[in-house]
Protein backbone atom coordinates (compact mmCIF):
# COMPACT_ATOMS: atom_id res chain seq x y z
CA TRP A 1 140.50 137.66 81.72
CA ALA A 2 138.64 136.53 85.19
CA ALA A 3 135.70 135.82 82.65
CA ARG A 4 137.51 132.99 80.74
CA ARG A 5 138.55 131.29 84.22
CA GLY A 6 134.93 131.67 85.94
CA LEU A 7 135.86 134.34 88.22
CA SER A 8 134.67 137.67 89.20
CA ARG A 9 135.59 140.61 87.31
CA VAL A 10 137.05 142.20 90.43
CA PHE A 11 139.97 139.11 90.50
CA GLY A 12 140.77 140.22 87.11
CA HIS A 13 141.43 144.03 88.31
CA VAL A 14 143.47 142.30 91.29
CA GLU A 15 145.62 140.50 88.76
CA GLY A 16 145.92 143.92 86.91
CA HIS A 17 147.70 145.41 89.70
CA LYS A 18 150.43 143.05 89.53
CA THR A 19 151.08 143.77 86.05
CA VAL A 20 151.11 147.76 87.07
CA ARG A 21 153.80 146.91 89.44
CA ARG A 22 155.54 144.51 86.76
CA ILE A 23 155.31 146.71 84.38
CA THR A 24 156.03 150.18 86.45
CA ASN A 25 159.29 148.43 87.84
CA LEU A 26 160.54 147.67 84.14
CA ALA A 27 159.45 150.94 82.68
CA GLY A 28 161.54 152.61 85.58
CA HIS A 29 164.60 150.51 85.06
CA LEU A 30 164.72 151.00 80.93
CA GLY A 31 164.77 154.21 81.43
CA VAL A 32 161.32 155.42 80.23
CA HIS A 33 160.43 158.57 81.36
CA TYR A 34 156.56 158.56 81.43
CA LEU A 35 154.03 156.01 81.87
CA THR A 36 150.40 156.38 81.50
CA LEU A 37 147.90 153.83 82.39
CA TYR A 38 144.04 153.62 81.96
CA ALA A 39 142.55 152.38 85.50
CA PHE A 40 138.96 153.71 85.35
CA SER A 41 137.28 155.49 82.53
CA VAL A 42 133.99 157.56 83.02
CA GLU A 43 131.87 155.30 81.26
CA ASN A 44 132.97 152.31 83.85
CA TRP A 45 130.62 153.89 86.40
CA ARG A 46 128.17 152.08 84.30
CA ARG A 47 129.48 148.65 85.78
CA PRO A 48 127.80 146.44 88.35
CA ALA A 49 127.41 148.79 91.54
CA GLU A 50 129.78 145.87 93.13
CA GLU A 51 132.54 145.99 90.46
CA VAL A 52 132.78 149.85 90.51
CA SER A 53 132.91 149.77 94.64
CA ALA A 54 135.52 146.96 94.59
CA LEU A 55 137.04 148.86 92.16
CA MET A 56 137.46 152.16 94.40
CA GLU A 57 138.80 150.15 97.01
CA LEU A 58 141.33 148.57 94.97
CA ILE A 59 142.89 151.95 93.68
CA GLU A 60 142.87 153.29 97.15
CA HIS A 61 144.61 150.65 98.75
CA VAL A 62 147.03 149.97 95.83
CA ALA A 63 148.06 153.51 95.53
CA HIS A 64 148.39 153.96 99.37
CA GLU A 65 150.57 150.45 99.90
CA GLU A 66 152.79 151.11 96.70
CA ILE A 67 153.73 154.97 97.68
CA PRO A 68 156.97 153.47 99.89
CA SER A 69 158.24 151.29 97.18
CA LEU A 70 157.54 154.43 94.48
CA CYS A 71 159.09 157.03 96.80
CA GLN A 72 162.16 154.35 97.13
CA GLU A 73 162.37 154.25 92.90
CA ASN A 74 162.08 157.80 92.72
CA VAL A 75 158.84 157.44 90.89
CA ARG A 76 156.63 160.47 90.58
CA PHE A 77 152.99 159.69 91.02
CA ASN A 78 150.50 161.27 88.77
CA ILE A 79 146.48 161.33 88.16
CA ILE A 80 144.57 162.37 85.43
CA GLY A 81 140.95 162.70 85.44
CA ARG A 82 137.65 164.14 87.04
CA LEU A 83 138.99 163.66 90.49
CA GLN A 84 136.20 165.80 92.07
CA ASP A 85 133.56 163.17 91.41
CA LEU A 86 135.40 160.61 93.10
CA PRO A 87 134.63 159.05 96.69
CA GLU A 88 136.23 161.34 99.49
CA PRO A 89 138.53 158.68 100.66
CA LEU A 90 140.25 157.77 97.38
CA ARG A 91 140.22 161.39 96.20
CA LEU A 92 142.13 162.39 99.20
CA GLU A 93 144.45 159.56 98.92
CA LEU A 94 145.27 160.10 95.59
CA GLU A 95 145.79 163.96 96.37
CA ARG A 96 148.39 162.78 99.34
CA ASP A 97 149.97 160.54 97.11
CA MET A 98 151.04 162.96 94.38
CA GLU A 99 151.94 165.31 97.03
CA LEU A 100 154.56 163.33 98.63
CA THR A 101 156.31 162.38 95.49
CA ARG A 102 155.98 165.26 93.46
CA ASP A 103 159.71 166.31 93.90
CA ASN A 104 160.82 163.01 92.65
CA THR A 105 162.75 163.14 89.19
CA GLY A 106 162.63 159.29 88.07
CA LEU A 107 159.22 157.69 86.11
CA THR A 108 156.40 159.84 85.63
CA LEU A 109 153.55 157.09 86.68
CA THR A 110 150.22 158.29 85.47
CA LEU A 111 147.24 156.67 86.38
CA ALA A 112 143.49 158.04 84.47
CA VAL A 113 140.91 157.53 86.97
CA ASN A 114 137.67 158.54 86.27
CA TYR A 115 139.09 159.76 82.80
CA GLY A 116 137.37 160.15 79.47
CA GLY A 117 139.05 161.73 76.73
CA ARG A 118 136.09 163.81 75.35
CA SER A 119 135.26 165.07 78.96
CA GLU A 120 138.81 166.05 79.31
CA ILE A 121 138.65 168.46 76.25
CA VAL A 122 135.08 169.58 77.40
CA ASP A 123 136.68 170.54 80.69
CA ALA A 124 139.61 172.33 78.46
CA VAL A 125 137.02 174.11 76.87
CA ARG A 126 135.32 175.32 79.84
CA ARG A 127 138.79 176.62 81.21
CA LEU A 128 139.34 178.64 78.17
CA VAL A 129 135.97 180.37 78.66
CA ALA A 130 136.51 180.65 82.54
CA ASP A 131 139.94 182.42 81.33
CA GLY A 132 138.13 184.87 78.74
CA VAL A 133 140.15 183.38 75.88
CA THR A 134 138.55 184.89 72.94
CA PRO A 135 138.40 182.90 69.36
CA GLU A 136 141.23 184.90 68.00
CA GLN A 137 143.05 183.43 71.02
CA VAL A 138 142.40 179.76 70.60
CA ASP A 139 144.98 177.58 69.08
CA GLU A 140 146.44 174.02 69.50
CA GLN A 141 148.68 175.22 72.51
CA ALA A 142 146.13 177.12 74.35
CA ILE A 143 144.27 173.68 74.37
CA SER A 144 147.01 171.52 75.03
CA SER A 145 147.87 173.87 78.42
CA ARG A 146 144.50 173.16 80.05
CA LEU A 147 144.48 169.79 79.18
CA TYR A 148 144.74 167.30 82.38
CA THR A 149 147.90 166.09 80.83
CA ALA A 150 149.46 169.98 80.43
CA ASP A 151 153.12 169.10 82.71
CA ILE A 152 153.47 165.60 80.43
CA PRO A 153 154.39 165.31 76.79
CA ASP A 154 152.71 163.49 74.36
CA PRO A 155 152.59 159.93 74.08
CA ASP A 156 155.22 158.10 71.49
CA LEU A 157 153.89 154.89 71.85
CA LEU A 158 150.09 153.57 72.81
CA ILE A 159 150.28 149.65 73.90
CA ARG A 160 146.79 148.33 73.29
CA THR A 161 146.07 144.88 74.64
CA ALA A 162 143.40 142.05 74.51
CA GLY A 163 143.75 142.47 70.32
CA GLU A 164 141.26 145.62 70.81
CA LEU A 165 141.51 147.73 67.53
CA ARG A 166 139.91 150.80 69.28
CA VAL A 167 141.18 153.93 71.19
CA SER A 168 138.45 153.47 73.77
CA ASN A 169 138.09 157.27 74.45
CA TYR A 170 141.57 157.66 75.64
CA LEU A 171 144.05 160.51 75.29
CA LEU A 172 142.10 161.48 72.06
CA TRP A 173 143.79 164.93 71.69
CA GLN A 174 147.21 163.42 73.14
CA ILE A 175 147.77 160.44 70.87
CA ALA A 176 147.46 162.63 67.30
CA TYR A 177 150.57 161.39 66.33
CA THR A 178 151.30 158.14 68.64
CA GLU A 179 152.56 154.99 67.42
CA ILE A 180 150.09 152.53 68.27
CA TYR A 181 151.22 148.83 68.81
CA VAL A 182 148.46 145.87 69.39
CA THR A 183 148.96 142.60 71.20
CA ASP A 184 146.64 139.84 71.91
CA THR A 185 147.69 139.13 75.50
CA LEU A 186 145.05 140.62 78.04
CA TRP A 187 146.57 142.85 80.63
CA PRO A 188 146.75 140.87 83.55
CA ASP A 189 148.82 138.10 81.50
CA LEU A 190 150.99 140.98 80.06
CA SER A 191 154.74 140.14 80.99
CA GLU A 192 158.20 141.90 80.77
CA LYS A 193 158.80 140.38 77.78
CA ASP A 194 155.73 141.96 75.77
CA PHE A 195 156.38 145.20 77.03
CA VAL A 196 159.80 144.95 75.59
CA ASP A 197 158.62 143.25 72.43
CA ALA A 198 156.41 146.84 71.80
CA LEU A 199 159.05 148.87 72.60
CA LEU A 200 161.46 147.17 70.19
CA ALA A 201 158.65 147.09 67.63
CA TYR A 202 157.80 150.92 68.43
CA GLN A 203 161.57 151.50 67.76
CA LYS A 204 161.81 149.96 63.95
CA ARG A 205 158.87 152.55 63.15
CA THR A 206 159.77 155.96 61.08
CA ARG A 207 157.69 158.56 62.63
CA LYS A 208 156.50 160.91 60.01
CA PHE A 209 153.74 163.41 61.94
CA GLY A 210 151.80 163.88 58.73
CA GLY A 211 155.14 165.10 56.89
CA LEU A 212 157.34 162.98 54.67
CA VAL A 213 160.73 161.00 55.46
CA SER A 214 164.01 162.84 53.61
């Protein structure tokens, strides 16, 4: 988005935050129960140090500034990812914000920060070993209950912006039967109409979950 305008990528992230606010508000008003957004992947550390630093500061600032409005809207704020590897000020801010909103009963807004689908599965397997689970006891539930997303359901719909046809190491376990909707619109430009169009397209689909529809 920023590159097409001859701007620093940081400007794209700032505009992307406006979309987060817009889509979160709309989702809550439409009765969506869970909304998960990919904010920063484990691979994003490979980006230029200036961009990474700006992203960390932006996430911390946005989290701090948005909490009052999220509380007013009864939104529960949630984070998934390897929080222990984040800069301490950011980690503490995110943990504080989750605590402040934990009793809210409206939309659950989850940000994936320092997240990777493979890393999540690796961490779940490590928990299995640490918990002394035997090979015979390992099943889908044993793994699912040890994922970062153990307390939220698998997504019904994955909206992929910018016309990208890959899942980008995102919720690899959870999207086994998720419907995928691709739009050419870039995330900073995603409008309320674009979001509603995705929901309407989802409503027209018949989900089979690997079986047959009678």
